[in-house]
Amino acid sequence: MPRYFTDEHEWIDIEGDSATVGITDYAQEQLGDIVFVELPDVGAALDKGGDAAVVESVKAASDVYAPITGEVTEGNGALEDEPALVNTSPEEDGWFFRMTIGDTSELEGLMDDKAYKAFIDGL
């Protein structure tokens, strides 16, 4: 399953015509201890680069942006009870939502793993 990254530190896994979205390990490190996650509603239409979710930590609140255009098909309900999953497993169990892929050409502007590592090394 291909994984892509945004310059806003979201990751997106592609599986068929569906995508799973979360924030990167780098992003959760910058935020610190996550205390609350607000997920998008199932059925919500998301635009690439638009607000999709909110993550709050002891340091700050931060928006999570949609890496591509599509419709939300599922939210990670486990985050409501245990938002710290974003800290302990940001790129696995701490995923935020799943969505349809509205336009596969939007994936072309995202970074692969190697490009993302180079991006964060430059920060």
PDB file of N, CA and C in Angstrom:
ATOM      1  N   MET A   1       0.854  -1.183   0.000  1.00  0.00           N
ATOM      2  CA  MET A   1       0.000   0.000   0.000  1.00  0.00           C
ATOM      3  C   MET A   1       0.891   1.236   0.000  1.00  0.00           C
ATOM      4  N   PRO A   2       0.750   2.082  -1.024  1.00  0.00           N
ATOM      5  CA  PRO A   2       1.585   3.289  -1.079  1.00  0.00           C
ATOM      6  C   PRO A   2       1.232   4.291   0.023  1.00  0.00           C
ATOM      7  N   ARG A   3       2.249   4.927   0.568  1.00  0.00           N
ATOM      8  CA  ARG A   3       2.063   5.978   1.570  1.00  0.00           C
ATOM      9  C   ARG A   3       2.675   7.265   1.037  1.00  0.00           C
ATOM     10  N   TYR A   4       1.918   8.345   1.224  1.00  0.00           N
ATOM     11  CA  TYR A   4       2.365   9.668   0.806  1.00  0.00           C
ATOM     12  C   TYR A   4       2.322  10.610   1.998  1.00  0.00           C
ATOM     13  N   PHE A   5       3.013  11.761   1.867  1.00  0.00           N
ATOM     14  CA  PHE A   5       3.084  12.745   2.938  1.00  0.00           C
ATOM     15  C   PHE A   5       2.833  14.137   2.384  1.00  0.00           C
ATOM     16  N   THR A   6       2.320  15.023   3.252  1.00  0.00           N
ATOM     17  CA  THR A   6       2.122  16.422   2.872  1.00  0.00           C
ATOM     18  C   THR A   6       3.139  17.291   3.600  1.00  0.00           C
ATOM     19  N   ASP A   7       3.285  18.526   3.146  1.00  0.00           N
ATOM     20  CA  ASP A   7       4.189  19.442   3.845  1.00  0.00           C
ATOM     21  C   ASP A   7       3.562  19.991   5.122  1.00  0.00           C
ATOM     22  N   GLU A   8       2.313  19.603   5.405  1.00  0.00           N
ATOM     23  CA  GLU A   8       1.660  19.947   6.676  1.00  0.00           C
ATOM     24  C   GLU A   8       1.748  18.773   7.662  1.00  0.00           C
ATOM     25  N   HIS A   9       2.509  17.739   7.299  1.00  0.00           N
ATOM     26  CA  HIS A   9       2.807  16.582   8.161  1.00  0.00           C
ATOM     27  C   HIS A   9       1.632  15.618   8.344  1.00  0.00           C
ATOM     28  N   GLU A  10       0.797  15.501   7.314  1.00  0.00           N
ATOM     29  CA  GLU A  10      -0.182  14.420   7.286  1.00  0.00           C
ATOM     30  C   GLU A  10       0.398  13.286   6.436  1.00  0.00           C
ATOM     31  N   TRP A  11      -0.007  12.060   6.763  1.00  0.00           N
ATOM     32  CA  TRP A  11       0.320  10.914   5.914  1.00  0.00           C
ATOM     33  C   TRP A  11      -0.985  10.379   5.354  1.00  0.00           C
ATOM     34  N   ILE A  12      -0.884   9.722   4.209  1.00  0.00           N
ATOM     35  CA  ILE A  12      -2.055   9.137   3.561  1.00  0.00           C
ATOM     36  C   ILE A  12      -1.656   7.803   2.958  1.00  0.00           C
ATOM     37  N   ASP A  13      -2.368   6.751   3.360  1.00  0.00           N
ATOM     38  CA  ASP A  13      -2.162   5.417   2.804  1.00  0.00           C
ATOM     39  C   ASP A  13      -3.251   5.164   1.773  1.00  0.00           C
ATOM     40  N   ILE A  14      -2.858   4.661   0.614  1.00  0.00           N
ATOM     41  CA  ILE A  14      -3.794   4.385  -0.466  1.00  0.00           C
ATOM     42  C   ILE A  14      -4.022   2.882  -0.559  1.00  0.00           C
ATOM     43  N   GLU A  15      -5.288   2.481  -0.574  1.00  0.00           N
ATOM     44  CA  GLU A  15      -5.641   1.077  -0.756  1.00  0.00           C
ATOM     45  C   GLU A  15      -6.861   1.028  -1.657  1.00  0.00           C
ATOM     46  N   GLY A  16      -6.621   0.693  -2.926  1.00  0.00           N
ATOM     47  CA  GLY A  16      -7.709   0.697  -3.908  1.00  0.00           C
ATOM     48  C   GLY A  16      -8.202   2.123  -4.124  1.00  0.00           C
ATOM     49  N   ASP A  17      -9.521   2.330  -3.937  1.00  0.00           N
ATOM     50  CA  ASP A  17     -10.082   3.677  -4.117  1.00  0.00           C
ATOM     51  C   ASP A  17     -10.361   4.353  -2.780  1.00  0.00           C
ATOM     52  N   SER A  18      -9.677   3.857  -1.737  1.00  0.00           N
ATOM     53  CA  SER A  18      -9.853   4.395  -0.384  1.00  0.00           C
ATOM     54  C   SER A  18      -8.504   4.875   0.160  1.00  0.00           C
ATOM     55  N   ALA A  19      -8.570   5.831   1.086  1.00  0.00           N
ATOM     56  CA  ALA A  19      -7.354   6.371   1.689  1.00  0.00           C
ATOM     57  C   ALA A  19      -7.543   6.494   3.194  1.00  0.00           C
ATOM     58  N   THR A  20      -6.478   6.224   3.946  1.00  0.00           N
ATOM     59  CA  THR A  20      -6.459   6.409   5.394  1.00  0.00           C
ATOM     60  C   THR A  20      -5.505   7.564   5.684  1.00  0.00           C
ATOM     61  N   VAL A  21      -5.932   8.482   6.578  1.00  0.00           N
ATOM     62  CA  VAL A  21      -5.177   9.712   6.834  1.00  0.00           C
ATOM     63  C   VAL A  21      -4.862   9.840   8.325  1.00  0.00           C
ATOM     64  N   GLY A  22      -3.658  10.329   8.626  1.00  0.00           N
ATOM     65  CA  GLY A  22      -3.261  10.614  10.000  1.00  0.00           C
ATOM     66  C   GLY A  22      -2.154  11.656   9.989  1.00  0.00           C
ATOM     67  N   ILE A  23      -1.583  11.910  11.161  1.00  0.00           N
ATOM     68  CA  ILE A  23      -0.452  12.834  11.228  1.00  0.00           C
ATOM     69  C   ILE A  23       0.825  12.038  11.468  1.00  0.00           C
ATOM     70  N   THR A  24       1.930  12.607  11.051  1.00  0.00           N
ATOM     71  CA  THR A  24       3.215  11.902  11.123  1.00  0.00           C
ATOM     72  C   THR A  24       3.782  11.884  12.541  1.00  0.00           C
ATOM     73  N   ASP A  25       4.769  11.023  12.717  1.00  0.00           N
ATOM     74  CA  ASP A  25       5.477  10.952  13.984  1.00  0.00           C
ATOM     75  C   ASP A  25       6.113  12.308  14.300  1.00  0.00           C
ATOM     76  N   TYR A  26       6.655  12.959  13.281  1.00  0.00           N
ATOM     77  CA  TYR A  26       7.251  14.290  13.468  1.00  0.00           C
ATOM     78  C   TYR A  26       6.206  15.265  14.026  1.00  0.00           C
ATOM     79  N   ALA A  27       5.004  15.245  13.447  1.00  0.00           N
ATOM     80  CA  ALA A  27       3.949  16.166  13.885  1.00  0.00           C
ATOM     81  C   ALA A  27       3.559  15.922  15.336  1.00  0.00           C
ATOM     82  N   GLN A  28       3.385  14.654  15.719  1.00  0.00           N
ATOM     83  CA  GLN A  28       2.982  14.388  17.107  1.00  0.00           C
ATOM     84  C   GLN A  28       4.089  14.769  18.081  1.00  0.00           C
ATOM     85  N   GLU A  29       5.361  14.625  17.672  1.00  0.00           N
ATOM     86  CA  GLU A  29       6.467  15.049  18.537  1.00  0.00           C
ATOM     87  C   GLU A  29       6.427  16.555  18.774  1.00  0.00           C
ATOM     88  N   GLN A  30       6.114  17.309  17.716  1.00  0.00           N
ATOM     89  CA  GLN A  30       6.051  18.762  17.831  1.00  0.00           C
ATOM     90  C   GLN A  30       4.880  19.197  18.719  1.00  0.00           C
ATOM     91  N   LEU A  31       3.781  18.461  18.662  1.00  0.00           N
ATOM     92  CA  LEU A  31       2.589  18.819  19.442  1.00  0.00           C
ATOM     93  C   LEU A  31       2.725  18.463  20.916  1.00  0.00           C
ATOM     94  N   GLY A  32       3.396  17.372  21.212  1.00  0.00           N
ATOM     95  CA  GLY A  32       3.474  16.909  22.599  1.00  0.00           C
ATOM     96  C   GLY A  32       2.288  16.011  22.921  1.00  0.00           C
ATOM     97  N   ASP A  33       1.938  15.916  24.193  1.00  0.00           N
ATOM     98  CA  ASP A  33       0.897  14.981  24.630  1.00  0.00           C
ATOM     99  C   ASP A  33      -0.467  15.377  24.082  1.00  0.00           C
ATOM    100  N   ILE A  34      -1.040  14.496  23.259  1.00  0.00           N
ATOM    101  CA  ILE A  34      -2.351  14.733  22.647  1.00  0.00           C
ATOM    102  C   ILE A  34      -3.433  14.458  23.684  1.00  0.00           C
ATOM    103  N   VAL A  35      -4.355  15.427  23.850  1.00  0.00           N
ATOM    104  CA  VAL A  35      -5.418  15.280  24.849  1.00  0.00           C
ATOM    105  C   VAL A  35      -6.820  15.208  24.236  1.00  0.00           C
ATOM    106  N   PHE A  36      -6.960  15.597  22.947  1.00  0.00           N
ATOM    107  CA  PHE A  36      -8.278  15.584  22.314  1.00  0.00           C
ATOM    108  C   PHE A  36      -8.108  15.581  20.800  1.00  0.00           C
ATOM    109  N   VAL A  37      -8.980  14.825  20.127  1.00  0.00           N
ATOM    110  CA  VAL A  37      -9.003  14.804  18.669  1.00  0.00           C
ATOM    111  C   VAL A  37     -10.445  14.991  18.222  1.00  0.00           C
ATOM    112  N   GLU A  38     -10.675  15.962  17.338  1.00  0.00           N
ATOM    113  CA  GLU A  38     -11.993  16.166  16.737  1.00  0.00           C
ATOM    114  C   GLU A  38     -11.928  15.665  15.295  1.00  0.00           C
ATOM    115  N   LEU A  39     -12.715  14.630  15.017  1.00  0.00           N
ATOM    116  CA  LEU A  39     -12.686  13.988  13.705  1.00  0.00           C
ATOM    117  C   LEU A  39     -13.788  14.539  12.810  1.00  0.00           C
ATOM    118  N   PRO A  40     -13.618  14.431  11.492  1.00  0.00           N
ATOM    119  CA  PRO A  40     -14.684  14.859  10.587  1.00  0.00           C
ATOM    120  C   PRO A  40     -15.846  13.867  10.634  1.00  0.00           C
ATOM    121  N   ASP A  41     -17.032  14.345  10.294  1.00  0.00           N
ATOM    122  CA  ASP A  41     -18.212  13.482  10.260  1.00  0.00           C
ATOM    123  C   ASP A  41     -18.156  12.564   9.046  1.00  0.00           C
ATOM    124  N   VAL A  42     -18.660  11.336   9.215  1.00  0.00           N
ATOM    125  CA  VAL A  42     -18.797  10.432   8.078  1.00  0.00           C
ATOM    126  C   VAL A  42     -19.732  11.090   7.066  1.00  0.00           C
ATOM    127  N   GLY A  43     -19.337  11.059   5.814  1.00  0.00           N
ATOM    128  CA  GLY A  43     -20.121  11.687   4.760  1.00  0.00           C
ATOM    129  C   GLY A  43     -19.689  13.101   4.436  1.00  0.00           C
ATOM    130  N   ALA A  44     -18.807  13.665   5.273  1.00  0.00           N
ATOM    131  CA  ALA A  44     -18.328  15.031   5.021  1.00  0.00           C
ATOM    132  C   ALA A  44     -17.492  15.054   3.743  1.00  0.00           C
ATOM    133  N   ALA A  45     -17.734  16.061   2.911  1.00  0.00           N
ATOM    134  CA  ALA A  45     -16.941  16.255   1.703  1.00  0.00           C
ATOM    135  C   ALA A  45     -15.733  17.114   2.059  1.00  0.00           C
ATOM    136  N   LEU A  46     -14.543  16.617   1.747  1.00  0.00           N
ATOM    137  CA  LEU A  46     -13.315  17.336   2.056  1.00  0.00           C
ATOM    138  C   LEU A  46     -12.648  17.798   0.770  1.00  0.00           C
ATOM    139  N   ASP A  47     -12.117  19.008   0.804  1.00  0.00           N
ATOM    140  CA  ASP A  47     -11.352  19.544  -0.311  1.00  0.00           C
ATOM    141  C   ASP A  47      -9.878  19.454   0.015  1.00  0.00           C
ATOM    142  N   LYS A  48      -9.059  19.142  -0.982  1.00  0.00           N
ATOM    143  CA  LYS A  48      -7.614  19.069  -0.777  1.00  0.00           C
ATOM    144  C   LYS A  48      -7.117  20.371  -0.144  1.00  0.00           C
ATOM    145  N   GLY A  49      -6.402  20.235   0.966  1.00  0.00           N
ATOM    146  CA  GLY A  49      -5.852  21.390   1.674  1.00  0.00           C
ATOM    147  C   GLY A  49      -6.823  22.036   2.643  1.00  0.00           C
ATOM    148  N   GLY A  50      -8.075  21.575   2.666  1.00  0.00           N
ATOM    149  CA  GLY A  50      -9.069  22.145   3.574  1.00  0.00           C
ATOM    150  C   GLY A  50      -9.021  21.502   4.947  1.00  0.00           C
ATOM    151  N   ASP A  51      -9.613  22.176   5.930  1.00  0.00           N
ATOM    152  CA  ASP A  51      -9.664  21.649   7.285  1.00  0.00           C
ATOM    153  C   ASP A  51     -10.413  20.319   7.298  1.00  0.00           C
ATOM    154  N   ALA A  52      -9.856  19.329   7.989  1.00  0.00           N
ATOM    155  CA  ALA A  52     -10.487  18.025   8.076  1.00  0.00           C
ATOM    156  C   ALA A  52     -10.722  17.605   9.527  1.00  0.00           C
ATOM    157  N   ALA A  53      -9.780  17.885  10.406  1.00  0.00           N
ATOM    158  CA  ALA A  53      -9.859  17.462  11.803  1.00  0.00           C
ATOM    159  C   ALA A  53      -9.084  18.462  12.651  1.00  0.00           C
ATOM    160  N   VAL A  54      -9.224  18.308  13.973  1.00  0.00           N
ATOM    161  CA  VAL A  54      -8.473  19.145  14.915  1.00  0.00           C
ATOM    162  C   VAL A  54      -7.822  18.222  15.929  1.00  0.00           C
ATOM    163  N   VAL A  55      -6.584  18.513  16.254  1.00  0.00           N
ATOM    164  CA  VAL A  55      -5.881  17.762  17.286  1.00  0.00           C
ATOM    165  C   VAL A  55      -5.405  18.764  18.328  1.00  0.00           C
ATOM    166  N   GLU A  56      -5.685  18.448  19.596  1.00  0.00           N
ATOM    167  CA  GLU A  56      -5.276  19.337  20.685  1.00  0.00           C
ATOM    168  C   GLU A  56      -4.293  18.616  21.580  1.00  0.00           C
ATOM    169  N   SER A  57      -3.262  19.355  21.960  1.00  0.00           N
ATOM    170  CA  SER A  57      -2.267  18.814  22.881  1.00  0.00           C
ATOM    171  C   SER A  57      -2.173  19.747  24.074  1.00  0.00           C
ATOM    172  N   VAL A  58      -1.318  19.381  25.015  1.00  0.00           N
ATOM    173  CA  VAL A  58      -1.114  20.252  26.169  1.00  0.00           C
ATOM    174  C   VAL A  58      -0.461  21.561  25.737  1.00  0.00           C
ATOM    175  N   LYS A  59       0.195  21.576  24.557  1.00  0.00           N
ATOM    176  CA  LYS A  59       0.872  22.773  24.065  1.00  0.00           C
ATOM    177  C   LYS A  59      -0.029  23.657  23.211  1.00  0.00           C
ATOM    178  N   ALA A  60      -0.822  23.033  22.313  1.00  0.00           N
ATOM    179  CA  ALA A  60      -1.543  23.825  21.309  1.00  0.00           C
ATOM    180  C   ALA A  60      -2.623  22.999  20.632  1.00  0.00           C
ATOM    181  N   ALA A  61      -3.495  23.676  19.912  1.00  0.00           N
ATOM    182  CA  ALA A  61      -4.454  23.019  19.033  1.00  0.00           C
ATOM    183  C   ALA A  61      -3.967  23.227  17.603  1.00  0.00           C
ATOM    184  N   SER A  62      -4.175  22.221  16.771  1.00  0.00           N
ATOM    185  CA  SER A  62      -3.691  22.302  15.406  1.00  0.00           C
ATOM    186  C   SER A  62      -4.710  21.671  14.461  1.00  0.00           C
ATOM    187  N   ASP A  63      -4.855  22.269  13.285  1.00  0.00           N
ATOM    188  CA  ASP A  63      -5.737  21.696  12.282  1.00  0.00           C
ATOM    189  C   ASP A  63      -5.022  20.568  11.557  1.00  0.00           C
ATOM    190  N   VAL A  64      -5.819  19.599  11.128  1.00  0.00           N
ATOM    191  CA  VAL A  64      -5.343  18.539  10.252  1.00  0.00           C
ATOM    192  C   VAL A  64      -6.046  18.778   8.925  1.00  0.00           C
ATOM    193  N   TYR A  65      -5.283  18.818   7.847  1.00  0.00           N
ATOM    194  CA  TYR A  65      -5.826  19.153   6.534  1.00  0.00           C
ATOM    195  C   TYR A  65      -6.014  17.907   5.678  1.00  0.00           C
ATOM    196  N   ALA A  66      -6.988  17.962   4.790  1.00  0.00           N
ATOM    197  CA  ALA A  66      -7.223  16.864   3.862  1.00  0.00           C
ATOM    198  C   ALA A  66      -6.114  16.851   2.804  1.00  0.00           C
ATOM    199  N   PRO A  67      -5.398  15.738   2.662  1.00  0.00           N
ATOM    200  CA  PRO A  67      -4.320  15.687   1.679  1.00  0.00           C
ATOM    201  C   PRO A  67      -4.836  15.611   0.236  1.00  0.00           C
ATOM    202  N   ILE A  68      -6.078  15.146   0.086  1.00  0.00           N
ATOM    203  CA  ILE A  68      -6.712  15.046  -1.227  1.00  0.00           C
ATOM    204  C   ILE A  68      -8.196  15.364  -1.070  1.00  0.00           C
ATOM    205  N   THR A  69      -8.885  15.493  -2.185  1.00  0.00           N
ATOM    206  CA  THR A  69     -10.332  15.694  -2.198  1.00  0.00           C
ATOM    207  C   THR A  69     -11.027  14.339  -2.099  1.00  0.00           C
ATOM    208  N   GLY A  70     -12.101  14.282  -1.316  1.00  0.00           N
ATOM    209  CA  GLY A  70     -12.865  13.045  -1.199  1.00  0.00           C
ATOM    210  C   GLY A  70     -13.919  13.158  -0.118  1.00  0.00           C
ATOM    211  N   GLU A  71     -14.557  12.038   0.167  1.00  0.00           N
ATOM    212  CA  GLU A  71     -15.619  11.992   1.167  1.00  0.00           C
ATOM    213  C   GLU A  71     -15.202  11.083   2.320  1.00  0.00           C
ATOM    214  N   VAL A  72     -15.452  11.537   3.539  1.00  0.00           N
ATOM    215  CA  VAL A  72     -15.100  10.756   4.730  1.00  0.00           C
ATOM    216  C   VAL A  72     -16.003   9.522   4.806  1.00  0.00           C
ATOM    217  N   THR A  73     -15.380   8.349   4.948  1.00  0.00           N
ATOM    218  CA  THR A  73     -16.126   7.105   5.047  1.00  0.00           C
ATOM    219  C   THR A  73     -16.091   6.511   6.452  1.00  0.00           C
ATOM    220  N   GLU A  74     -15.104   6.928   7.262  1.00  0.00           N
ATOM    221  CA  GLU A  74     -14.958   6.372   8.614  1.00  0.00           C
ATOM    222  C   GLU A  74     -14.046   7.264   9.439  1.00  0.00           C
ATOM    223  N   GLY A  75     -14.378   7.414  10.717  1.00  0.00           N
ATOM    224  CA  GLY A  75     -13.494   8.076  11.665  1.00  0.00           C
ATOM    225  C   GLY A  75     -12.939   7.042  12.623  1.00  0.00           C
ATOM    226  N   ASN A  76     -11.781   7.288  13.183  1.00  0.00           N
ATOM    227  CA  ASN A  76     -11.167   6.357  14.132  1.00  0.00           C
ATOM    228  C   ASN A  76     -11.755   6.614  15.520  1.00  0.00           C
ATOM    229  N   GLY A  77     -12.818   5.898  15.845  1.00  0.00           N
ATOM    230  CA  GLY A  77     -13.507   6.067  17.123  1.00  0.00           C
ATOM    231  C   GLY A  77     -12.628   5.825  18.329  1.00  0.00           C
ATOM    232  N   ALA A  78     -11.565   5.045  18.171  1.00  0.00           N
ATOM    233  CA  ALA A  78     -10.670   4.766  19.293  1.00  0.00           C
ATOM    234  C   ALA A  78     -10.025   6.048  19.812  1.00  0.00           C
ATOM    235  N   LEU A  79      -9.885   7.064  18.952  1.00  0.00           N
ATOM    236  CA  LEU A  79      -9.245   8.308  19.374  1.00  0.00           C
ATOM    237  C   LEU A  79     -10.114   9.119  20.328  1.00  0.00           C
ATOM    238  N   GLU A  80     -11.430   8.899  20.288  1.00  0.00           N
ATOM    239  CA  GLU A  80     -12.313   9.613  21.218  1.00  0.00           C
ATOM    240  C   GLU A  80     -12.031   9.197  22.655  1.00  0.00           C
ATOM    241  N   ASP A  81     -11.821   7.898  22.863  1.00  0.00           N
ATOM    242  CA  ASP A  81     -11.548   7.367  24.201  1.00  0.00           C
ATOM    243  C   ASP A  81     -10.072   7.451  24.570  1.00  0.00           C
ATOM    244  N   GLU A  82      -9.219   7.379  23.561  1.00  0.00           N
ATOM    245  CA  GLU A  82      -7.780   7.322  23.820  1.00  0.00           C
ATOM    246  C   GLU A  82      -7.011   8.180  22.812  1.00  0.00           C
ATOM    247  N   PRO A  83      -7.103   9.524  22.934  1.00  0.00           N
ATOM    248  CA  PRO A  83      -6.405  10.392  21.979  1.00  0.00           C
ATOM    249  C   PRO A  83      -4.891  10.212  22.001  1.00  0.00           C
ATOM    250  N   ALA A  84      -4.351   9.674  23.089  1.00  0.00           N
ATOM    251  CA  ALA A  84      -2.902   9.462  23.186  1.00  0.00           C
ATOM    252  C   ALA A  84      -2.397   8.419  22.190  1.00  0.00           C
ATOM    253  N   LEU A  85      -3.302   7.686  21.531  1.00  0.00           N
ATOM    254  CA  LEU A  85      -2.879   6.766  20.471  1.00  0.00           C
ATOM    255  C   LEU A  85      -2.115   7.521  19.376  1.00  0.00           C
ATOM    256  N   VAL A  86      -2.436   8.793  19.202  1.00  0.00           N
ATOM    257  CA  VAL A  86      -1.733   9.602  18.210  1.00  0.00           C
ATOM    258  C   VAL A  86      -0.261   9.741  18.605  1.00  0.00           C
ATOM    259  N   ASN A  87       0.033   9.766  19.909  1.00  0.00           N
ATOM    260  CA  ASN A  87       1.418   9.836  20.378  1.00  0.00           C
ATOM    261  C   ASN A  87       2.113   8.483  20.306  1.00  0.00           C
ATOM    262  N   THR A  88       1.417   7.437  20.717  1.00  0.00           N
ATOM    263  CA  THR A  88       2.065   6.129  20.822  1.00  0.00           C
ATOM    264  C   THR A  88       2.137   5.382  19.495  1.00  0.00           C
ATOM    265  N   SER A  89       1.201   5.671  18.577  1.00  0.00           N
ATOM    266  CA  SER A  89       1.169   4.967  17.295  1.00  0.00           C
ATOM    267  C   SER A  89       0.647   5.889  16.197  1.00  0.00           C
ATOM    268  N   PRO A  90       1.356   7.013  15.945  1.00  0.00           N
ATOM    269  CA  PRO A  90       0.830   8.028  15.034  1.00  0.00           C
ATOM    270  C   PRO A  90       0.630   7.551  13.600  1.00  0.00           C
ATOM    271  N   GLU A  91       1.449   6.611  13.158  1.00  0.00           N
ATOM    272  CA  GLU A  91       1.370   6.201  11.761  1.00  0.00           C
ATOM    273  C   GLU A  91       0.791   4.796  11.604  1.00  0.00           C
ATOM    274  N   GLU A  92       0.114   4.307  12.653  1.00  0.00           N
ATOM    275  CA  GLU A  92      -0.556   3.007  12.588  1.00  0.00           C
ATOM    276  C   GLU A  92      -1.940   3.125  13.247  1.00  0.00           C
ATOM    277  N   ASP A  93      -2.029   2.780  14.556  1.00  0.00           N
ATOM    278  CA  ASP A  93      -3.316   2.768  15.262  1.00  0.00           C
ATOM    279  C   ASP A  93      -3.905   4.157  15.474  1.00  0.00           C
ATOM    280  N   GLY A  94      -3.078   5.193  15.416  1.00  0.00           N
ATOM    281  CA  GLY A  94      -3.538   6.558  15.665  1.00  0.00           C
ATOM    282  C   GLY A  94      -4.020   7.286  14.419  1.00  0.00           C
ATOM    283  N   TRP A  95      -4.439   6.538  13.385  1.00  0.00           N
ATOM    284  CA  TRP A  95      -4.980   7.180  12.179  1.00  0.00           C
ATOM    285  C   TRP A  95      -6.230   7.981  12.541  1.00  0.00           C
ATOM    286  N   PHE A  96      -6.560   8.983  11.723  1.00  0.00           N
ATOM    287  CA  PHE A  96      -7.680   9.878  12.018  1.00  0.00           C
ATOM    288  C   PHE A  96      -8.964   9.488  11.292  1.00  0.00           C
ATOM    289  N   PHE A  97      -8.889   9.351   9.961  1.00  0.00           N
ATOM    290  CA  PHE A  97     -10.102   9.039   9.201  1.00  0.00           C
ATOM    291  C   PHE A  97      -9.752   8.344   7.894  1.00  0.00           C
ATOM    292  N   ARG A  98     -10.793   7.716   7.326  1.00  0.00           N
ATOM    293  CA  ARG A  98     -10.678   7.108   5.996  1.00  0.00           C
ATOM    294  C   ARG A  98     -11.587   7.886   5.068  1.00  0.00           C
ATOM    295  N   MET A  99     -11.189   7.936   3.799  1.00  0.00           N
ATOM    296  CA  MET A  99     -11.946   8.713   2.825  1.00  0.00           C
ATOM    297  C   MET A  99     -11.849   8.089   1.438  1.00  0.00           C
ATOM    298  N   THR A 100     -12.769   8.486   0.568  1.00  0.00           N
ATOM    299  CA  THR A 100     -12.691   8.096  -0.832  1.00  0.00           C
ATOM    300  C   THR A 100     -11.627   8.953  -1.514  1.00  0.00           C
ATOM    301  N   ILE A 101     -11.167   8.499  -2.648  1.00  0.00           N
ATOM    302  CA  ILE A 101     -10.206   9.269  -3.434  1.00  0.00           C
ATOM    303  C   ILE A 101     -10.977   9.925  -4.573  1.00  0.00           C
ATOM    304  N   GLY A 102     -11.158  11.241  -4.466  1.00  0.00           N
ATOM    305  CA  GLY A 102     -11.929  11.961  -5.466  1.00  0.00           C
ATOM    306  C   GLY A 102     -11.193  12.146  -6.781  1.00  0.00           C
ATOM    307  N   ASP A 103      -9.878  12.334  -6.737  1.00  0.00           N
ATOM    308  CA  ASP A 103      -9.093  12.614  -7.934  1.00  0.00           C
ATOM    309  C   ASP A 103      -7.681  12.067  -7.725  1.00  0.00           C
ATOM    310  N   THR A 104      -7.369  10.965  -8.363  1.00  0.00           N
ATOM    311  CA  THR A 104      -6.068  10.323  -8.148  1.00  0.00           C
ATOM    312  C   THR A 104      -4.907  11.215  -8.581  1.00  0.00           C
ATOM    313  N   SER A 105      -5.140  12.166  -9.474  1.00  0.00           N
ATOM    314  CA  SER A 105      -4.039  13.038  -9.916  1.00  0.00           C
ATOM    315  C   SER A 105      -3.537  13.917  -8.770  1.00  0.00           C
ATOM    316  N   GLU A 106      -4.352  14.124  -7.731  1.00  0.00           N
ATOM    317  CA  GLU A 106      -3.913  14.935  -6.579  1.00  0.00           C
ATOM    318  C   GLU A 106      -2.789  14.252  -5.798  1.00  0.00           C
ATOM    319  N   LEU A 107      -2.646  12.952  -5.950  1.00  0.00           N
ATOM    320  CA  LEU A 107      -1.579  12.227  -5.254  1.00  0.00           C
ATOM    321  C   LEU A 107      -0.207  12.611  -5.798  1.00  0.00           C
ATOM    322  N   GLU A 108      -0.162  13.073  -7.045  1.00  0.00           N
ATOM    323  CA  GLU A 108       1.117  13.385  -7.692  1.00  0.00           C
ATOM    324  C   GLU A 108       1.868  14.515  -6.991  1.00  0.00           C
ATOM    325  N   GLY A 109       1.171  15.408  -6.305  1.00  0.00           N
ATOM    326  CA  GLY A 109       1.827  16.515  -5.628  1.00  0.00           C
ATOM    327  C   GLY A 109       2.320  16.192  -4.228  1.00  0.00           C
ATOM    328  N   LEU A 110       2.110  14.960  -3.785  1.00  0.00           N
ATOM    329  CA  LEU A 110       2.505  14.571  -2.430  1.00  0.00           C
ATOM    330  C   LEU A 110       3.896  13.939  -2.435  1.00  0.00           C
ATOM    331  N   MET A 111       4.509  13.883  -1.261  1.00  0.00           N
ATOM    332  CA  MET A 111       5.863  13.336  -1.128  1.00  0.00           C
ATOM    333  C   MET A 111       5.831  11.851  -0.795  1.00  0.00           C
ATOM    334  N   ASP A 112       6.831  11.124  -1.291  1.00  0.00           N
ATOM    335  CA  ASP A 112       7.011   9.753  -0.837  1.00  0.00           C
ATOM    336  C   ASP A 112       7.858   9.783   0.444  1.00  0.00           C
ATOM    337  N   ASP A 113       8.123   8.612   0.994  1.00  0.00           N
ATOM    338  CA  ASP A 113       8.843   8.514   2.268  1.00  0.00           C
ATOM    339  C   ASP A 113      10.212   9.202   2.205  1.00  0.00           C
ATOM    340  N   LYS A 114      10.955   8.961   1.154  1.00  0.00           N
ATOM    341  CA  LYS A 114      12.298   9.530   1.016  1.00  0.00           C
ATOM    342  C   LYS A 114      12.239  11.062   0.931  1.00  0.00           C
ATOM    343  N   ALA A 115      11.315  11.580   0.149  1.00  0.00           N
ATOM    344  CA  ALA A 115      11.182  13.036   0.002  1.00  0.00           C
ATOM    345  C   ALA A 115      10.733  13.674   1.318  1.00  0.00           C
ATOM    346  N   TYR A 116       9.844  12.994   2.046  1.00  0.00           N
ATOM    347  CA  TYR A 116       9.379  13.553   3.324  1.00  0.00           C
ATOM    348  C   TYR A 116      10.520  13.594   4.335  1.00  0.00           C
ATOM    349  N   LYS A 117      11.320  12.520   4.394  1.00  0.00           N
ATOM    350  CA  LYS A 117      12.461  12.513   5.327  1.00  0.00           C
ATOM    351  C   LYS A 117      13.413  13.669   5.009  1.00  0.00           C
ATOM    352  N   ALA A 118      13.665  13.918   3.737  1.00  0.00           N
ATOM    353  CA  ALA A 118      14.528  15.028   3.337  1.00  0.00           C
ATOM    354  C   ALA A 118      13.883  16.365   3.734  1.00  0.00           C
ATOM    355  N   PHE A 119      12.553  16.451   3.591  1.00  0.00           N
ATOM    356  CA  PHE A 119      11.830  17.663   3.957  1.00  0.00           C
ATOM    357  C   PHE A 119      11.985  17.974   5.445  1.00  0.00           C
ATOM    358  N   ILE A 120      11.748  16.983   6.327  1.00  0.00           N
ATOM    359  CA  ILE A 120      11.843  17.257   7.756  1.00  0.00           C
ATOM    360  C   ILE A 120      13.293  17.459   8.208  1.00  0.00           C
ATOM    361  N   ASP A 121      14.240  16.834   7.505  1.00  0.00           N
ATOM    362  CA  ASP A 121      15.650  17.070   7.828  1.00  0.00           C
ATOM    363  C   ASP A 121      16.027  18.521   7.561  1.00  0.00           C
ATOM    364  N   GLY A 122      15.325  19.167   6.632  1.00  0.00           N
ATOM    365  CA  GLY A 122      15.619  20.539   6.290  1.00  0.00           C
ATOM    366  C   GLY A 122      14.922  21.565   7.180  1.00  0.00           C
ATOM    367  N   LEU A 123      14.077  21.091   8.093  1.00  0.00           N
ATOM    368  CA  LEU A 123      13.347  22.026   8.972  1.00  0.00           C
ATOM    369  C   LEU A 123      14.193  22.479  10.154  1.00  0.00           C
TER     370      LEU A 123
END
